[in-house]
Amino acid sequence: MKERTRQQPDEPMPETERHEDPPKGRLSRDTQRKIGQQLRAMYTDVVNEGVPDRFADLLRRLDDKDK
């Protein structure tokens, strides 16, 4: 097991500590970042599509019903 020393706040983390395995059951920040990039790439088109007219009409009617 590696022995870690405490570092001063201004001192950057050594390269070896930046890529250590995360605690069990957790994803590393790098893995989380990569997953986020992939999800954004996959769903960008869906988000930019907008709401279909029939759903927008339904939402308007429901909103008018509440007033």
N, C-alpha and C. Protein backbone atom coordinates (compact mmCIF):
# COMPACT_ATOMS: atom_id res chain seq x y z
N MET A 1 0.84 -1.18 0.00
CA MET A 1 0.00 0.00 0.00
C MET A 1 0.88 1.24 0.00
N LYS A 2 0.54 2.24 -0.80
CA LYS A 2 1.33 3.47 -0.88
C LYS A 2 1.12 4.32 0.35
N GLU A 3 2.20 4.92 0.78
CA GLU A 3 2.10 5.85 1.89
C GLU A 3 2.04 7.25 1.30
N ARG A 4 1.02 8.02 1.70
CA ARG A 4 0.85 9.35 1.14
C ARG A 4 1.28 10.40 2.14
N THR A 5 1.90 11.43 1.65
CA THR A 5 2.32 12.52 2.53
C THR A 5 1.38 13.69 2.31
N ARG A 6 1.20 14.46 3.35
CA ARG A 6 0.34 15.64 3.26
C ARG A 6 1.07 16.73 2.50
N GLN A 7 0.37 17.42 1.62
CA GLN A 7 0.99 18.48 0.83
C GLN A 7 0.43 19.83 1.23
N GLN A 8 1.21 20.83 0.95
CA GLN A 8 0.78 22.19 1.20
C GLN A 8 -0.30 22.55 0.18
N PRO A 9 -1.27 23.43 0.52
CA PRO A 9 -2.36 23.77 -0.40
C PRO A 9 -1.89 24.30 -1.76
N ASP A 10 -0.79 25.06 -1.78
CA ASP A 10 -0.31 25.64 -3.04
C ASP A 10 0.49 24.65 -3.88
N GLU A 11 0.87 23.56 -3.29
CA GLU A 11 1.71 22.59 -3.98
C GLU A 11 0.84 21.69 -4.85
N PRO A 12 1.13 21.58 -6.17
CA PRO A 12 0.29 20.73 -7.03
C PRO A 12 0.45 19.27 -6.66
N MET A 13 -0.60 18.49 -6.93
CA MET A 13 -0.54 17.06 -6.66
C MET A 13 0.42 16.41 -7.65
N PRO A 14 1.24 15.49 -7.17
CA PRO A 14 2.12 14.78 -8.10
C PRO A 14 1.30 13.99 -9.11
N GLU A 15 1.84 13.80 -10.29
CA GLU A 15 1.16 13.10 -11.37
C GLU A 15 0.68 11.72 -10.92
N THR A 16 1.46 11.04 -10.09
CA THR A 16 1.08 9.70 -9.66
C THR A 16 -0.18 9.69 -8.82
N GLU A 17 -0.45 10.76 -8.06
CA GLU A 17 -1.64 10.80 -7.22
C GLU A 17 -2.88 11.22 -7.99
N ARG A 18 -2.72 11.90 -9.09
CA ARG A 18 -3.86 12.38 -9.86
C ARG A 18 -4.65 11.24 -10.48
N HIS A 19 -4.01 10.16 -10.81
CA HIS A 19 -4.67 9.08 -11.53
C HIS A 19 -4.85 7.82 -10.69
N GLU A 20 -4.86 7.98 -9.38
CA GLU A 20 -5.08 6.83 -8.52
C GLU A 20 -6.51 6.33 -8.72
N ASP A 21 -6.73 5.06 -8.41
CA ASP A 21 -8.06 4.51 -8.50
C ASP A 21 -8.96 5.20 -7.49
N PRO A 22 -10.20 5.48 -7.88
CA PRO A 22 -11.13 6.10 -6.94
C PRO A 22 -11.57 5.09 -5.89
N PRO A 23 -12.19 5.55 -4.81
CA PRO A 23 -12.70 4.61 -3.81
C PRO A 23 -13.64 3.60 -4.47
N LYS A 24 -13.75 2.43 -3.88
CA LYS A 24 -14.58 1.37 -4.44
C LYS A 24 -16.01 1.86 -4.66
N GLY A 25 -16.55 1.57 -5.84
CA GLY A 25 -17.92 1.97 -6.17
C GLY A 25 -18.04 3.37 -6.74
N ARG A 26 -16.93 4.04 -6.98
CA ARG A 26 -16.97 5.39 -7.51
C ARG A 26 -16.17 5.46 -8.80
N LEU A 27 -16.57 6.37 -9.69
CA LEU A 27 -15.85 6.58 -10.93
C LEU A 27 -14.86 7.72 -10.75
N SER A 28 -13.73 7.63 -11.42
CA SER A 28 -12.75 8.71 -11.35
C SER A 28 -13.32 9.95 -12.04
N ARG A 29 -12.77 11.09 -11.72
CA ARG A 29 -13.22 12.34 -12.36
C ARG A 29 -13.03 12.27 -13.87
N ASP A 30 -11.94 11.67 -14.30
CA ASP A 30 -11.69 11.55 -15.73
C ASP A 30 -12.76 10.70 -16.40
N THR A 31 -13.13 9.60 -15.77
CA THR A 31 -14.18 8.73 -16.32
C THR A 31 -15.52 9.46 -16.34
N GLN A 32 -15.83 10.18 -15.26
CA GLN A 32 -17.07 10.95 -15.21
C GLN A 32 -17.11 11.99 -16.33
N ARG A 33 -15.98 12.66 -16.54
CA ARG A 33 -15.90 13.68 -17.59
C ARG A 33 -16.14 13.06 -18.96
N LYS A 34 -15.52 11.92 -19.21
CA LYS A 34 -15.68 11.25 -20.51
C LYS A 34 -17.12 10.81 -20.74
N ILE A 35 -17.76 10.27 -19.71
CA ILE A 35 -19.16 9.86 -19.82
C ILE A 35 -20.03 11.08 -20.12
N GLY A 36 -19.78 12.18 -19.41
CA GLY A 36 -20.54 13.41 -19.65
C GLY A 36 -20.39 13.91 -21.07
N GLN A 37 -19.19 13.88 -21.61
CA GLN A 37 -18.96 14.30 -22.99
C GLN A 37 -19.74 13.42 -23.97
N GLN A 38 -19.70 12.12 -23.74
CA GLN A 38 -20.40 11.19 -24.63
C GLN A 38 -21.91 11.40 -24.56
N LEU A 39 -22.45 11.59 -23.36
CA LEU A 39 -23.89 11.82 -23.22
C LEU A 39 -24.31 13.11 -23.91
N ARG A 40 -23.52 14.18 -23.72
CA ARG A 40 -23.85 15.44 -24.38
C ARG A 40 -23.82 15.28 -25.89
N ALA A 41 -22.83 14.56 -26.41
CA ALA A 41 -22.73 14.34 -27.86
C ALA A 41 -23.92 13.56 -28.37
N MET A 42 -24.37 12.55 -27.62
CA MET A 42 -25.49 11.72 -28.06
C MET A 42 -26.83 12.47 -28.02
N TYR A 43 -27.02 13.32 -27.03
CA TYR A 43 -28.32 13.94 -26.83
C TYR A 43 -28.44 15.37 -27.34
N THR A 44 -27.39 15.92 -27.92
CA THR A 44 -27.44 17.29 -28.44
C THR A 44 -28.54 17.43 -29.49
N ASP A 45 -28.62 16.49 -30.41
CA ASP A 45 -29.64 16.56 -31.46
C ASP A 45 -31.05 16.49 -30.87
N VAL A 46 -31.24 15.64 -29.88
CA VAL A 46 -32.55 15.50 -29.26
C VAL A 46 -32.96 16.81 -28.58
N VAL A 47 -32.04 17.41 -27.86
CA VAL A 47 -32.33 18.67 -27.16
C VAL A 47 -32.64 19.77 -28.16
N ASN A 48 -31.94 19.80 -29.27
CA ASN A 48 -32.13 20.86 -30.26
C ASN A 48 -33.37 20.66 -31.13
N GLU A 49 -34.00 19.48 -31.08
CA GLU A 49 -35.19 19.22 -31.88
C GLU A 49 -36.36 20.10 -31.49
N GLY A 50 -36.49 20.37 -30.24
CA GLY A 50 -37.63 21.14 -29.78
C GLY A 50 -38.81 20.25 -29.49
N VAL A 51 -39.92 20.87 -29.12
CA VAL A 51 -41.13 20.14 -28.75
C VAL A 51 -42.00 19.99 -30.00
N PRO A 52 -42.46 18.77 -30.30
CA PRO A 52 -43.37 18.60 -31.44
C PRO A 52 -44.63 19.44 -31.27
N ASP A 53 -45.21 19.88 -32.37
CA ASP A 53 -46.40 20.75 -32.33
C ASP A 53 -47.54 20.14 -31.52
N ARG A 54 -47.76 18.83 -31.66
CA ARG A 54 -48.90 18.23 -30.95
C ARG A 54 -48.69 18.28 -29.43
N PHE A 55 -47.43 18.15 -28.97
CA PHE A 55 -47.16 18.26 -27.54
C PHE A 55 -47.28 19.70 -27.07
N ALA A 56 -46.80 20.63 -27.88
CA ALA A 56 -46.91 22.05 -27.53
C ALA A 56 -48.37 22.45 -27.41
N ASP A 57 -49.22 21.96 -28.34
CA ASP A 57 -50.65 22.25 -28.31
C ASP A 57 -51.29 21.67 -27.04
N LEU A 58 -50.93 20.44 -26.72
CA LEU A 58 -51.46 19.79 -25.52
C LEU A 58 -51.05 20.57 -24.26
N LEU A 59 -49.80 20.99 -24.20
CA LEU A 59 -49.34 21.78 -23.05
C LEU A 59 -50.08 23.10 -22.95
N ARG A 60 -50.33 23.75 -24.08
CA ARG A 60 -51.08 25.02 -24.08
C ARG A 60 -52.49 24.79 -23.56
N ARG A 61 -53.16 23.71 -24.03
CA ARG A 61 -54.53 23.43 -23.59
C ARG A 61 -54.56 23.12 -22.08
N LEU A 62 -53.59 22.36 -21.60
CA LEU A 62 -53.54 22.07 -20.17
C LEU A 62 -53.30 23.34 -19.35
N ASP A 63 -52.45 24.20 -19.86
CA ASP A 63 -52.16 25.46 -19.17
C ASP A 63 -53.40 26.34 -19.14
N ASP A 64 -54.14 26.41 -20.28
CA ASP A 64 -55.36 27.22 -20.34
C ASP A 64 -56.43 26.67 -19.40
N LYS A 65 -56.47 25.35 -19.27
CA LYS A 65 -57.45 24.71 -18.39
C LYS A 65 -57.21 25.10 -16.93
N ASP A 66 -55.95 25.27 -16.55
CA ASP A 66 -55.59 25.64 -15.18
C ASP A 66 -55.97 27.08 -14.86
N LYS A 67 -56.09 27.92 -15.86
CA LYS A 67 -56.37 29.36 -15.61
C LYS A 67 -57.80 29.62 -15.40
